[in-house]
Amino acid sequence: HWKYGDKVISNSMNKKLSDIFINNKVSNYNKQFYPIIRDGLNNILWIPKLLNKFNSDNKNVLYAKWNN
């Protein structure tokens, strides 16, 4: 789940997770329960329907489909 101060960091992006939620009009209530997929180092990999940083060349990736 979302934690205060979370950031998404990649080669082309360094953005606060709270800004991503605001830009996509996710309510304060919903962002508390919105699923966030992280790697073993606690880096954000995927936020369903908002962000996808999966590397398709990685054969050790588990893919999931998110339906509302």
Foldseek 3Di string as FASTA:
>chain_A
DDDPPDWADDPVDTGHPVVLCVVVVPDPVRVVVFDFDADPVRHTADGPPRDHNDDPVDPPDDDDHDDD
